[in-house]
Amino acid sequence: MVEIGIGILGGGYMGKAHAVAMSAVGAVFNTRLRPRLEMVCASSADSAERYRLAYGFRRATEDWRALVNDPLVEAIVIASPQSTHRAVAEAAFALGKPVFCEKPLGASLNDSRAMTAAAEASGCANMVGFNYIRTPASQYVRRLIADGKLGQITMFRGEHTEDFYADPKAPATWRCSGQSNGTMGDLAPHMINGALALMGPISRVMAEIETVHKTRPGGDVTNDDHAQMMCRFENGAMGQMYFSRVATGRKMGYAYEITGTKGAVRFDQEDQNAVWLYQMDTPEAERGFTKILTGPAHPDYEPFCQGPGHGTGYQDQIIIEARDFLTAIETGQPVWPTFRDGMDVNRVIAAAFASSRDRKWQDINAF
């Protein structure tokens, strides 16, 4: 076993998740690289010290440059606002340090392109944080598709819907301004990434993006609340996606349905330890969607629990990401999703905004 010093920028919701994951990943997956929580960076010295004490870091700082440049920080996790992603990543890659960056990769497509170029020029391990597609259930679905169990895929329908802004009386916050903080920057990247992982590249899109509640107590809303998108995949399949932060009643509506010529699947993150599978080769009298509970036979389940149906949770997805990041560092081989995969998500989002503005289909290759 070899220790590796980890520096995390941001100690809030995702910073905490990554700190916990780095503390647990060695025990869960018996990784050769064993993370050491070396330094945490936050927006003030007081908050950085608070995170240090809470999460078990050796040191704390309010200066991201101090973290990136520190020789004992050997790999970096960016869990800070999108506006900081590019500068931090470019500085880290210039020093030859691996970087894991939370989604969306950049605050803009230009940022994402620059970050991808820096990552690939450096040759360093690089990954983007799309955790939901890493559930044992969704990994199983990817395997079903890859093995041809569903036949030729003809249709994909996906959504990422939540209701944390469904109440028009909810006050305006930082989420109400900046394109990367709207639904297309916050929720849509997860399902677009999921669609790309399950279905392959998207060739063109037609989208509508809207703001439902244009004002809230305390200020105006200048970014989007929900969006719908039709798409065509390069494999010929049709696609539909919907994203919303005002979907009343939905708490974690990361869900998809995939139809093929031999079968179909349904998945909903609110029941993340189950997949509904329909297979055409069963007797007519027995045909119907069957609920499959995830267990040790499914990818990345057994390291957490030996009991089928007992389930994995949100934090476990982040631990799987940590394992993958350490694997990329150790082997020197890219592990999906790389910065380029993150940039591909940003390209689809840029095309969707252009489509909504121009009211026409947009070719992804133009972005």
Protein backbone atom coordinates (compact mmCIF):
# COMPACT_ATOMS: atom_id res chain seq x y z
CA MET A 1 0.00 0.00 0.00
CA VAL A 2 1.17 3.50 -0.87
CA GLU A 3 -0.11 6.73 0.67
CA ILE A 4 -1.21 9.57 -1.57
CA GLY A 5 -1.86 13.09 -0.29
CA ILE A 6 -5.29 14.43 -1.26
CA GLY A 7 -6.25 18.09 -1.43
CA ILE A 8 -9.92 19.03 -1.67
CA LEU A 9 -11.14 22.45 -2.72
CA GLY A 10 -14.47 23.11 -1.05
CA GLY A 11 -15.75 21.68 2.19
CA GLY A 12 -19.50 22.00 1.70
CA TYR A 13 -21.95 19.34 0.53
CA MET A 14 -19.74 17.75 -2.13
CA GLY A 15 -16.47 18.53 -0.36
CA LYS A 16 -17.69 16.53 2.62
CA ALA A 17 -18.85 13.68 0.38
CA HIS A 18 -15.42 13.43 -1.24
CA ALA A 19 -13.60 13.66 2.09
CA VAL A 20 -15.70 10.80 3.46
CA ALA A 21 -15.14 8.80 0.26
CA MET A 22 -11.38 9.24 0.38
CA SER A 23 -11.37 8.15 4.03
CA ALA A 24 -13.38 5.00 3.26
CA VAL A 25 -12.25 3.87 -0.19
CA GLY A 26 -9.18 1.97 0.97
CA ALA A 27 -11.15 -0.18 3.39
CA VAL A 28 -14.06 -0.74 0.99
CA PHE A 29 -12.08 -1.65 -2.12
CA ASN A 30 -8.66 -2.56 -0.65
CA THR A 31 -6.98 -0.09 -2.99
CA ARG A 32 -3.22 -0.08 -3.34
CA LEU A 33 -3.20 3.73 -3.14
CA ARG A 34 -4.43 4.84 0.27
CA PRO A 35 -5.61 8.47 0.44
CA ARG A 36 -4.31 10.77 3.15
CA LEU A 37 -6.47 13.86 3.73
CA GLU A 38 -3.65 16.36 3.45
CA MET A 39 -5.32 19.74 2.94
CA VAL A 40 -8.74 21.33 2.55
CA CYS A 41 -9.42 24.76 1.07
CA ALA A 42 -12.47 26.93 1.74
CA SER A 43 -13.48 30.54 1.14
CA SER A 44 -12.29 31.71 4.58
CA ALA A 45 -9.68 30.61 7.09
CA ASP A 46 -12.37 29.95 9.71
CA SER A 47 -14.47 27.69 7.49
CA ALA A 48 -11.38 25.87 6.22
CA GLU A 49 -10.29 25.14 9.79
CA ARG A 50 -13.80 23.99 10.66
CA TYR A 51 -13.75 21.53 7.76
CA ARG A 52 -10.27 20.35 8.73
CA LEU A 53 -11.42 19.43 12.20
CA ALA A 54 -14.70 17.89 11.05
CA TYR A 55 -13.29 15.72 8.24
CA GLY A 56 -9.82 14.86 9.53
CA PHE A 57 -7.52 16.82 7.21
CA ARG A 58 -3.98 17.52 8.35
CA ARG A 59 -4.03 21.14 7.24
CA ALA A 60 -6.37 23.89 6.03
CA THR A 61 -6.07 26.99 3.85
CA GLU A 62 -8.19 29.72 2.31
CA ASP A 63 -5.84 30.04 -0.69
CA TRP A 64 -6.40 27.48 -3.44
CA ARG A 65 -2.96 28.22 -4.86
CA ALA A 66 -1.36 27.15 -1.59
CA LEU A 67 -3.19 23.82 -1.83
CA VAL A 68 -2.33 23.20 -5.48
CA ASN A 69 1.33 24.12 -5.05
CA ASP A 70 1.91 22.17 -1.84
CA PRO A 71 4.29 19.24 -2.51
CA LEU A 72 2.44 16.97 -0.07
CA VAL A 73 -0.80 17.41 -2.05
CA GLU A 74 -0.34 14.83 -4.79
CA ALA A 75 -3.88 14.69 -6.21
CA ILE A 76 -6.66 17.26 -6.22
CA VAL A 77 -10.43 17.11 -5.96
CA ILE A 78 -12.30 20.22 -7.13
CA ALA A 79 -15.61 20.57 -5.28
CA SER A 80 -15.78 24.37 -5.41
CA PRO A 81 -18.03 26.66 -7.53
CA GLN A 82 -17.87 26.19 -11.31
CA SER A 83 -16.26 29.59 -11.80
CA THR A 84 -13.12 28.28 -10.06
CA HIS A 85 -12.77 24.99 -11.95
CA ARG A 86 -10.66 26.13 -14.90
CA ALA A 87 -8.00 28.07 -13.00
CA VAL A 88 -7.51 25.34 -10.42
CA ALA A 89 -7.35 22.52 -12.96
CA GLU A 90 -4.92 24.31 -15.26
CA ALA A 91 -2.60 25.14 -12.35
CA ALA A 92 -2.69 21.53 -11.10
CA PHE A 93 -2.01 20.00 -14.51
CA ALA A 94 0.90 22.40 -15.03
CA LEU A 95 2.46 20.80 -11.94
CA GLY A 96 1.72 17.26 -13.14
CA LYS A 97 -0.99 16.58 -10.55
CA PRO A 98 -4.08 14.42 -11.20
CA VAL A 99 -7.44 16.19 -10.94
CA PHE A 100 -10.96 15.01 -10.16
CA CYS A 101 -13.47 17.78 -10.92
CA GLU A 102 -17.12 17.90 -9.95
CA LYS A 103 -19.63 18.48 -12.74
CA PRO A 104 -20.22 20.52 -14.75
CA LEU A 105 -16.62 20.45 -15.93
CA GLY A 106 -16.41 24.17 -16.69
CA ALA A 107 -18.61 27.19 -16.22
CA SER A 108 -18.77 27.39 -20.03
CA LEU A 109 -17.96 25.26 -23.05
CA ASN A 110 -14.82 27.35 -23.63
CA ASP A 111 -13.68 26.58 -20.09
CA SER A 112 -14.33 22.89 -20.64
CA ARG A 113 -12.31 22.89 -23.85
CA ALA A 114 -9.39 24.62 -22.16
CA MET A 115 -9.50 22.23 -19.19
CA THR A 116 -9.61 19.20 -21.47
CA ALA A 117 -6.67 20.48 -23.49
CA ALA A 118 -4.66 21.06 -20.30
CA ALA A 119 -5.53 17.60 -18.97
CA GLU A 120 -4.55 15.80 -22.14
CA ALA A 121 -1.35 17.82 -22.62
CA SER A 122 -0.27 16.96 -19.08
CA GLY A 123 -0.90 13.23 -19.37
CA CYS A 124 -2.28 13.28 -15.82
CA ALA A 125 -5.24 11.28 -14.59
CA ASN A 126 -8.42 13.32 -14.93
CA MET A 127 -12.05 12.55 -14.11
CA VAL A 128 -15.40 14.33 -13.85
CA GLY A 129 -17.87 13.67 -11.04
CA PHE A 130 -20.97 12.01 -12.50
CA ASN A 131 -21.86 9.75 -9.60
CA TYR A 132 -25.43 8.62 -10.36
CA ILE A 133 -24.50 6.49 -13.37
CA ARG A 134 -22.22 4.49 -11.04
CA THR A 135 -24.98 2.77 -9.08
CA PRO A 136 -24.75 -1.03 -9.33
CA ALA A 137 -28.14 -0.92 -11.07
CA SER A 138 -27.08 1.47 -13.83
CA GLN A 139 -23.77 -0.33 -14.27
CA TYR A 140 -25.81 -3.50 -14.76
CA VAL A 141 -27.97 -1.77 -17.38
CA ARG A 142 -24.83 -0.65 -19.25
CA ARG A 143 -23.69 -4.28 -19.29
CA LEU A 144 -27.08 -5.50 -20.55
CA ILE A 145 -26.92 -3.06 -23.46
CA ALA A 146 -23.28 -3.81 -24.26
CA ASP A 147 -23.97 -7.55 -24.26
CA GLY A 148 -26.87 -7.11 -26.68
CA LYS A 149 -29.47 -8.42 -24.23
CA LEU A 150 -31.95 -5.70 -25.27
CA GLY A 151 -31.24 -6.08 -28.98
CA GLN A 152 -31.05 -2.99 -31.17
CA ILE A 153 -31.89 0.04 -29.04
CA THR A 154 -34.64 2.14 -30.59
CA MET A 155 -35.64 4.62 -27.89
CA PHE A 156 -34.23 6.36 -24.82
CA ARG A 157 -36.30 8.50 -22.48
CA GLY A 158 -34.63 10.11 -19.50
CA GLU A 159 -35.19 12.80 -16.91
CA HIS A 160 -33.55 14.48 -13.98
CA THR A 161 -36.31 16.12 -12.00
CA GLU A 162 -36.37 17.55 -8.49
CA ASP A 163 -38.68 19.97 -6.65
CA PHE A 164 -36.35 22.04 -4.47
CA TYR A 165 -37.52 25.19 -6.30
CA ALA A 166 -41.13 24.15 -6.98
CA ASP A 167 -42.45 26.63 -4.40
CA PRO A 168 -42.55 30.10 -6.03
CA LYS A 169 -42.28 31.61 -2.55
CA ALA A 170 -38.87 30.04 -1.98
CA PRO A 171 -36.38 32.92 -1.72
CA ALA A 172 -33.89 33.79 -4.43
CA THR A 173 -30.36 32.47 -3.79
CA TRP A 174 -27.13 32.03 -5.75
CA ARG A 175 -28.93 29.29 -7.68
CA CYS A 176 -31.08 31.93 -9.41
CA SER A 177 -28.30 33.52 -11.47
CA GLY A 178 -25.58 32.24 -13.74
CA GLN A 179 -26.19 29.73 -16.52
CA SER A 180 -24.15 27.02 -14.80
CA ASN A 181 -26.39 27.28 -11.70
CA GLY A 182 -29.66 26.78 -13.58
CA THR A 183 -31.28 23.45 -14.30
CA MET A 184 -29.25 23.01 -17.49
CA GLY A 185 -26.03 23.46 -15.53
CA ASP A 186 -27.07 21.67 -12.36
CA LEU A 187 -29.36 18.72 -13.13
CA ALA A 188 -29.23 18.24 -16.91
CA PRO A 189 -25.53 17.25 -17.01
CA HIS A 190 -26.22 14.12 -14.95
CA MET A 191 -28.88 12.73 -17.28
CA ILE A 192 -27.05 13.81 -20.44
CA ASN A 193 -23.98 12.01 -19.14
CA GLY A 194 -26.15 9.00 -18.34
CA ALA A 195 -27.60 9.00 -21.85
CA LEU A 196 -24.12 9.18 -23.39
CA ALA A 197 -22.91 6.34 -21.15
CA LEU A 198 -25.85 4.08 -21.94
CA MET A 199 -26.56 5.01 -25.55
CA GLY A 200 -23.39 6.50 -27.01
CA PRO A 201 -22.87 9.86 -28.72
CA ILE A 202 -25.71 12.25 -29.54
CA SER A 203 -25.73 13.64 -33.08
CA ARG A 204 -28.34 16.42 -32.86
CA VAL A 205 -30.81 18.04 -30.47
CA MET A 206 -33.97 20.15 -30.42
CA ALA A 207 -34.63 21.85 -27.09
CA GLU A 208 -36.83 24.32 -25.22
CA ILE A 209 -35.46 25.95 -22.06
CA GLU A 210 -37.65 28.09 -19.81
CA THR A 211 -37.86 29.94 -16.52
CA VAL A 212 -41.15 29.15 -14.76
CA HIS A 213 -40.79 31.49 -11.76
CA LYS A 214 -39.15 34.64 -13.07
CA THR A 215 -39.14 36.39 -9.70
CA ARG A 216 -38.73 35.15 -6.16
CA PRO A 217 -38.68 36.87 -2.79
CA GLY A 218 -35.44 38.79 -2.74
CA GLY A 219 -34.71 39.03 -6.46
CA ASP A 220 -35.19 38.07 -10.08
CA VAL A 221 -34.45 34.63 -11.53
CA THR A 222 -32.12 34.97 -14.52
CA ASN A 223 -31.49 31.29 -15.31
CA ASP A 224 -33.64 28.31 -16.25
CA ASP A 225 -36.09 26.23 -14.19
CA HIS A 226 -36.85 23.42 -16.63
CA ALA A 227 -36.14 22.19 -20.15
CA GLN A 228 -37.20 19.54 -22.62
CA MET A 229 -35.03 18.06 -25.33
CA MET A 230 -35.46 15.70 -28.24
CA CYS A 231 -32.33 14.09 -29.58
CA ARG A 232 -31.05 11.61 -32.11
CA PHE A 233 -28.22 9.29 -31.13
CA GLU A 234 -25.47 8.34 -33.55
CA ASN A 235 -26.61 4.71 -33.35
CA GLY A 236 -29.93 5.80 -34.86
CA ALA A 237 -32.06 5.63 -31.72
CA MET A 238 -34.51 8.37 -30.83
CA GLY A 239 -34.30 10.16 -27.51
CA GLN A 240 -36.28 12.44 -25.21
CA MET A 241 -35.07 14.11 -22.01
CA TYR A 242 -36.63 16.43 -19.45
CA PHE A 243 -34.89 18.37 -16.70
CA SER A 244 -36.53 20.36 -13.91
CA ARG A 245 -35.92 21.86 -10.49
CA VAL A 246 -39.63 22.73 -10.20
CA ALA A 247 -41.06 19.20 -10.67
CA THR A 248 -43.47 19.09 -7.75
CA GLY A 249 -43.17 15.84 -5.81
CA ARG A 250 -39.90 14.68 -7.32
CA LYS A 251 -36.97 14.40 -4.91
CA MET A 252 -34.36 12.46 -6.91
CA GLY A 253 -35.94 11.95 -10.29
CA TYR A 254 -32.92 10.61 -12.15
CA ALA A 255 -34.84 8.10 -14.23
CA TYR A 256 -34.72 6.48 -17.65
CA GLU A 257 -36.48 3.97 -19.90
CA ILE A 258 -34.68 2.17 -22.71
CA THR A 259 -36.47 0.19 -25.40
CA GLY A 260 -34.82 -2.38 -27.64
CA THR A 261 -35.90 -5.02 -30.12
CA LYS A 262 -35.31 -7.85 -27.60
CA GLY A 263 -36.24 -6.17 -24.34
CA ALA A 264 -36.54 -3.00 -22.29
CA VAL A 265 -35.45 -1.57 -18.93
CA ARG A 266 -36.72 1.05 -16.51
CA PHE A 267 -34.77 2.69 -13.70
CA ASP A 268 -35.58 5.39 -11.13
CA GLN A 269 -32.98 6.74 -8.70
CA GLU A 270 -35.65 7.10 -6.01
CA ASP A 271 -35.55 3.30 -5.96
CA GLN A 272 -31.87 3.06 -6.85
CA ASN A 273 -31.35 -0.55 -5.86
CA ALA A 274 -33.79 -1.96 -8.40
CA VAL A 275 -34.06 -2.34 -12.17
CA TRP A 276 -37.21 -3.28 -14.05
CA LEU A 277 -36.36 -5.63 -16.95
CA TYR A 278 -38.59 -6.92 -19.76
CA GLN A 279 -37.33 -9.72 -22.01
CA MET A 280 -39.00 -10.84 -25.24
CA ASP A 281 -37.64 -14.40 -25.10
CA THR A 282 -39.78 -15.47 -22.14
CA PRO A 283 -43.03 -17.43 -22.59
CA GLU A 284 -45.98 -15.24 -23.57
CA ALA A 285 -47.85 -16.05 -20.36
CA GLU A 286 -44.88 -14.88 -18.26
CA ARG A 287 -44.00 -11.70 -20.10
CA GLY A 288 -43.93 -8.50 -18.11
CA PHE A 289 -41.48 -6.20 -16.40
CA THR A 290 -39.61 -8.02 -13.64
CA LYS A 291 -38.16 -6.14 -10.67
CA ILE A 292 -34.53 -7.10 -10.16
CA LEU A 293 -33.03 -6.18 -6.79
CA THR A 294 -29.32 -5.42 -6.91
CA GLY A 295 -26.97 -7.65 -4.97
CA PRO A 296 -23.45 -9.09 -4.95
CA ALA A 297 -23.87 -10.34 -8.53
CA HIS A 298 -24.08 -6.76 -9.78
CA PRO A 299 -21.11 -4.42 -10.38
CA ASP A 300 -19.53 -2.75 -7.31
CA TYR A 301 -22.18 -4.00 -4.87
CA GLU A 302 -20.43 -6.70 -2.86
CA PRO A 303 -17.65 -4.46 -1.44
CA PHE A 304 -20.38 -2.57 0.43
CA CYS A 305 -22.77 -5.36 1.39
CA GLN A 306 -23.08 -9.14 0.98
CA GLY A 307 -26.87 -9.21 1.22
CA PRO A 308 -28.95 -8.99 -1.97
CA GLY A 309 -31.62 -6.33 -1.74
CA HIS A 310 -30.01 -4.61 1.25
CA GLY A 311 -28.93 -1.79 -1.04
CA THR A 312 -26.28 0.86 -1.55
CA GLY A 313 -26.68 4.61 -1.12
CA TYR A 314 -25.61 8.03 -2.37
CA GLN A 315 -22.31 8.12 -0.49
CA ASP A 316 -21.37 4.73 -1.91
CA GLN A 317 -21.50 6.19 -5.42
CA ILE A 318 -18.88 8.76 -4.39
CA ILE A 319 -16.70 6.00 -2.91
CA ILE A 320 -16.87 4.14 -6.25
CA GLU A 321 -15.74 7.36 -7.96
CA ALA A 322 -12.82 7.62 -5.53
CA ARG A 323 -11.80 4.03 -6.37
CA ASP A 324 -11.91 4.82 -10.08
CA PHE A 325 -9.85 8.01 -9.64
CA LEU A 326 -7.19 6.14 -7.66
CA THR A 327 -7.17 3.43 -10.33
CA ALA A 328 -6.53 6.03 -13.03
CA ILE A 329 -3.66 7.49 -11.02
CA GLU A 330 -2.10 4.11 -10.27
CA THR A 331 -2.36 2.63 -13.75
CA GLY A 332 -1.83 5.76 -15.80
CA GLN A 333 -4.80 4.69 -17.92
CA PRO A 334 -7.90 6.86 -18.46
CA VAL A 335 -10.97 5.87 -16.47
CA TRP A 336 -14.38 7.05 -17.68
CA PRO A 337 -15.59 9.78 -17.48
CA THR A 338 -12.52 11.82 -18.34
CA PHE A 339 -12.45 15.57 -18.87
CA ARG A 340 -13.15 14.93 -22.55
CA ASP A 341 -16.31 13.05 -21.58
CA GLY A 342 -17.28 15.97 -19.38
CA MET A 343 -16.68 18.36 -22.26
CA ASP A 344 -18.99 16.26 -24.46
CA VAL A 345 -21.78 16.91 -21.94
CA ASN A 346 -21.08 20.64 -22.16
CA ARG A 347 -21.27 20.44 -25.96
CA VAL A 348 -24.76 18.95 -25.78
CA ILE A 349 -25.83 21.66 -23.32
CA ALA A 350 -24.44 24.41 -25.57
CA ALA A 351 -26.32 22.92 -28.54
CA ALA A 352 -29.51 22.79 -26.46
CA PHE A 353 -29.27 26.48 -25.58
CA ALA A 354 -28.66 27.33 -29.24
CA SER A 355 -31.66 25.21 -30.26
CA SER A 356 -33.92 26.88 -27.71
CA ARG A 357 -32.78 30.31 -28.91
CA ASP A 358 -33.01 29.62 -32.66
CA ARG A 359 -36.00 27.24 -32.53
CA LYS A 360 -34.37 24.58 -34.69
CA TRP A 361 -32.39 21.36 -34.56
CA GLN A 362 -28.70 21.75 -33.76
CA ASP A 363 -25.88 19.45 -34.90
CA ILE A 364 -23.61 18.58 -31.95
CA ASN A 365 -20.55 18.58 -34.23
CA ALA A 366 -21.01 22.33 -34.64
CA PHE A 367 -20.10 22.84 -30.97
